[in-house]
Amino acid sequence: MIEADALAAAMQRWGVLENPAPAAALRWIETFLAAYGAQLASPEEARPHVLALRAEATLVPALELERLRSRDALFFLDAVAQYVDHQPELRDLPLAHDLPAIGAEFGIDAGAALTAVRMALTGEREGPPLELLFPLLGHDRILIRIGAVNSKLLHGRGLNPIATGPDGRPFEPLRGQKPAAQMEEETRG
C-alpha cells in the first residue's frame, strides 16, 4: 500500500500539488488512499487515477452516453448537480440514500441512478464508492462533468437515442417509470 507522504511527493513531482501541501490537499490524499490505496502498489500506479480525478472532464463511452439520452436521465443528473451545489461539504454525504431518492423523483430505480451518476462523473461503471469520489472530485468538477454530459446529450441529436444497439436489437435509454399509484390516478382522471 502507498504511504501518504510518498504520494504527496509524487504529486508534487507531477506538478499537481503545491509544496508545502496544504491541509486540505493532505485530506484529499487520505481520501484518495481510502478509495484506491488497496489496489495500488506504488505512486506511479496512482498517477492515472490522480490525473483522471483532477481533470475537468471525463470521456463517457458512446453507448453509455446513449443510455443517458432521455429527458428523465437529463433531469435526474441536473437534480444531482443542484443537490451537490447546495452541499457545504461533500464528505460523509448519505449518497447511498440521497441519490436513489433523487432518482425516485424521476422514476429511476436506485441501481440505475447510482450507475448514471458514476458514468457521468467517471465514464466507468465500477470504481470506488461515490461517497469517496464526491469529495475527491469536489463541487466544481462534479458540476462541470455533469454539465458537460448534459450538454453532449442536448446537442446534435438532442434526446433522440439511437434506434438499435450494437447487437442489432432495439435500443432503449434510461427512462423513469411512473409509480403505479400515479399511473392509476392518471387513467382514472
Protein backbone atom coordinates (compact mmCIF):
# COMPACT_ATOMS: atom_id res chain seq x y z
CA MET A 1 0.00 0.00 0.00
CA ILE A 2 1.16 3.52 -0.77
CA GLU A 3 2.10 5.87 2.05
CA ALA A 4 0.52 9.32 2.07
CA ASP A 5 3.92 11.06 2.17
CA ALA A 6 5.13 9.11 -0.87
CA LEU A 7 2.00 10.01 -2.84
CA ALA A 8 2.26 13.68 -1.84
CA ALA A 9 5.89 13.80 -3.01
CA ALA A 10 4.97 12.11 -6.30
CA MET A 11 2.09 14.53 -6.87
CA GLN A 12 4.47 17.43 -6.30
CA ARG A 13 6.86 15.94 -8.92
CA TRP A 14 3.93 15.63 -11.36
CA GLY A 15 3.07 19.30 -10.80
CA VAL A 16 -0.41 18.71 -9.37
CA LEU A 17 0.31 19.55 -5.73
CA GLU A 18 1.95 22.64 -4.30
CA ASN A 19 4.87 22.49 -1.87
CA PRO A 20 4.24 22.61 1.02
CA ALA A 21 0.98 20.75 0.70
CA PRO A 22 -1.96 22.48 2.41
CA ALA A 23 -4.05 20.60 4.96
CA ALA A 24 -6.96 20.25 2.52
CA ALA A 25 -4.67 18.54 -0.01
CA LEU A 26 -3.44 16.12 2.64
CA ARG A 27 -7.09 15.25 3.46
CA TRP A 28 -7.64 14.70 -0.29
CA ILE A 29 -4.69 12.29 -0.34
CA GLU A 30 -6.10 10.40 2.65
CA THR A 31 -9.46 10.11 0.86
CA PHE A 32 -7.71 9.01 -2.34
CA LEU A 33 -5.86 6.27 -0.46
CA ALA A 34 -9.11 5.12 1.16
CA ALA A 35 -10.65 4.92 -2.33
CA TYR A 36 -7.79 3.46 -4.37
CA GLY A 37 -4.93 2.58 -1.99
CA ALA A 38 -5.67 -1.13 -1.54
CA GLN A 39 -5.29 -1.80 -5.26
CA LEU A 40 -2.15 0.30 -5.83
CA ALA A 41 1.42 -0.74 -5.02
CA SER A 42 3.27 2.47 -5.94
CA PRO A 43 2.70 6.17 -6.53
CA GLU A 44 3.27 5.59 -10.26
CA GLU A 45 0.27 3.23 -10.32
CA ALA A 46 -1.75 6.02 -8.69
CA ARG A 47 -0.82 8.61 -11.33
CA PRO A 48 -3.54 7.84 -13.92
CA HIS A 49 -6.20 7.84 -11.20
CA VAL A 50 -4.95 11.12 -9.69
CA LEU A 51 -4.81 12.80 -13.10
CA ALA A 52 -8.28 11.50 -14.05
CA LEU A 53 -9.74 12.89 -10.82
CA ARG A 54 -8.04 16.25 -11.36
CA ALA A 55 -9.30 16.60 -14.94
CA GLU A 56 -12.27 18.88 -15.53
CA ALA A 57 -13.94 16.43 -17.89
CA THR A 58 -14.15 12.72 -18.46
CA LEU A 59 -14.87 10.64 -21.52
CA VAL A 60 -18.17 8.78 -21.34
CA PRO A 61 -18.22 5.84 -23.78
CA ALA A 62 -20.63 6.42 -26.66
CA LEU A 63 -23.05 3.61 -25.80
CA GLU A 64 -23.17 4.69 -22.15
CA LEU A 65 -23.85 8.26 -23.24
CA GLU A 66 -26.72 6.92 -25.35
CA ARG A 67 -28.15 5.22 -22.24
CA LEU A 68 -28.34 8.67 -20.64
CA ARG A 69 -30.05 10.23 -23.68
CA SER A 70 -33.51 10.72 -22.19
CA ARG A 71 -35.41 13.52 -20.55
CA ASP A 72 -35.59 11.51 -17.29
CA ALA A 73 -31.82 10.98 -17.13
CA LEU A 74 -31.10 14.59 -18.11
CA PHE A 75 -33.39 15.99 -15.41
CA PHE A 76 -32.09 13.48 -12.85
CA LEU A 77 -28.45 14.48 -13.48
CA ASP A 78 -29.40 18.15 -13.29
CA ALA A 79 -31.10 17.50 -9.93
CA VAL A 80 -27.94 15.75 -8.70
CA ALA A 81 -25.91 18.80 -9.74
CA GLN A 82 -28.30 21.05 -7.78
CA TYR A 83 -28.01 18.73 -4.78
CA VAL A 84 -24.20 18.94 -4.92
CA ASP A 85 -24.27 22.71 -5.42
CA HIS A 86 -26.24 23.12 -2.18
CA GLN A 87 -23.92 20.99 -0.04
CA PRO A 88 -21.39 22.91 2.05
CA GLU A 89 -19.24 19.76 2.40
CA LEU A 90 -19.10 16.66 0.21
CA ARG A 91 -17.59 14.36 2.81
CA ASP A 92 -19.87 11.91 4.59
CA LEU A 93 -22.94 12.63 2.47
CA PRO A 94 -25.54 9.84 2.67
CA LEU A 95 -25.31 9.25 -1.11
CA ALA A 96 -26.47 5.63 -0.90
CA HIS A 97 -29.79 7.08 0.31
CA ASP A 98 -29.93 10.51 -1.31
CA LEU A 99 -29.06 9.61 -4.92
CA PRO A 100 -31.69 6.83 -5.13
CA ALA A 101 -34.21 9.23 -3.52
CA ILE A 102 -33.47 11.85 -6.20
CA GLY A 103 -33.73 9.13 -8.86
CA ALA A 104 -37.10 8.05 -7.48
CA GLU A 105 -38.42 11.57 -8.13
CA PHE A 106 -37.88 10.83 -11.83
CA GLY A 107 -39.00 7.21 -11.67
CA ILE A 108 -35.41 5.91 -11.90
CA ASP A 109 -34.58 2.90 -9.75
CA ALA A 110 -31.70 3.02 -7.26
CA GLY A 111 -29.22 0.90 -9.23
CA ALA A 112 -29.76 2.85 -12.44
CA ALA A 113 -29.48 6.16 -10.57
CA LEU A 114 -26.16 5.25 -8.98
CA THR A 115 -24.80 3.92 -12.29
CA ALA A 116 -25.88 7.06 -14.16
CA VAL A 117 -24.11 9.32 -11.66
CA ARG A 118 -20.93 7.21 -11.70
CA MET A 119 -20.94 7.16 -15.52
CA ALA A 120 -21.42 10.94 -15.75
CA LEU A 121 -18.63 11.58 -13.25
CA THR A 122 -16.05 8.96 -14.22
CA GLY A 123 -17.06 7.37 -17.52
CA GLU A 124 -16.81 3.97 -15.81
CA ARG A 125 -19.36 1.52 -14.45
CA GLU A 126 -17.27 0.48 -11.46
CA GLY A 127 -14.89 2.11 -9.06
CA PRO A 128 -14.59 3.40 -5.52
CA PRO A 129 -17.73 4.27 -3.59
CA LEU A 130 -19.39 7.51 -4.67
CA GLU A 131 -19.09 8.64 -1.03
CA LEU A 132 -15.33 8.82 -1.63
CA LEU A 133 -15.48 10.06 -5.24
CA PHE A 134 -17.60 13.11 -4.43
CA PRO A 135 -15.03 14.72 -2.09
CA LEU A 136 -12.21 13.67 -4.44
CA LEU A 137 -13.84 15.44 -7.37
CA GLY A 138 -15.19 18.40 -5.42
CA HIS A 139 -18.10 20.72 -6.17
CA ASP A 140 -16.69 22.37 -9.29
CA ARG A 141 -15.58 19.21 -11.07
CA ILE A 142 -18.85 17.44 -10.34
CA LEU A 143 -20.85 20.38 -11.70
CA ILE A 144 -18.57 20.70 -14.75
CA ARG A 145 -18.71 16.98 -15.55
CA ILE A 146 -22.49 16.72 -15.18
CA GLY A 147 -22.88 19.92 -17.19
CA ALA A 148 -20.66 18.52 -19.95
CA VAL A 149 -22.66 15.28 -20.14
CA ASN A 150 -25.96 17.18 -20.23
CA SER A 151 -24.58 19.48 -22.91
CA LYS A 152 -23.50 16.50 -25.03
CA LEU A 153 -26.95 15.00 -24.63
CA LEU A 154 -28.76 18.15 -25.72
CA HIS A 155 -26.60 18.97 -28.74
CA GLY A 156 -26.58 17.09 -32.01
CA ARG A 157 -29.46 14.61 -31.95
CA GLY A 158 -30.82 16.00 -28.73
CA LEU A 159 -32.78 13.48 -26.72
CA ASN A 160 -33.39 11.13 -29.68
CA PRO A 161 -31.46 7.93 -28.85
CA ILE A 162 -30.05 5.53 -31.40
CA ALA A 163 -32.65 3.13 -32.82
CA THR A 164 -30.65 -0.07 -32.39
CA GLY A 165 -27.72 -1.09 -30.27
CA PRO A 166 -24.53 -2.75 -31.49
CA ASP A 167 -26.25 -6.15 -31.18
CA GLY A 168 -28.94 -5.08 -33.67
CA ARG A 169 -31.71 -5.07 -31.06
CA PRO A 170 -33.87 -2.01 -30.36
CA PHE A 171 -32.02 0.33 -28.02
CA GLU A 172 -33.74 1.80 -25.00
CA PRO A 173 -32.12 4.59 -22.96
CA LEU A 174 -32.58 5.02 -19.22
CA ARG A 175 -36.17 6.05 -18.69
CA GLY A 176 -38.05 6.60 -15.49
CA GLN A 177 -41.09 4.54 -14.60
CA LYS A 178 -44.09 6.24 -13.08
CA PRO A 179 -45.15 4.78 -9.74
CA ALA A 180 -48.19 2.51 -10.01
CA ALA A 181 -50.35 4.83 -7.87
CA GLN A 182 -49.63 7.79 -10.15
CA MET A 183 -50.42 5.72 -13.26
CA GLU A 184 -53.76 4.62 -11.73
CA GLU A 185 -54.66 8.21 -10.87
CA GLU A 186 -53.88 9.38 -14.43
CA THR A 187 -56.01 6.64 -16.00
CA ARG A 188 -58.96 7.48 -13.71
CA GLY A 189 -58.63 11.23 -14.25
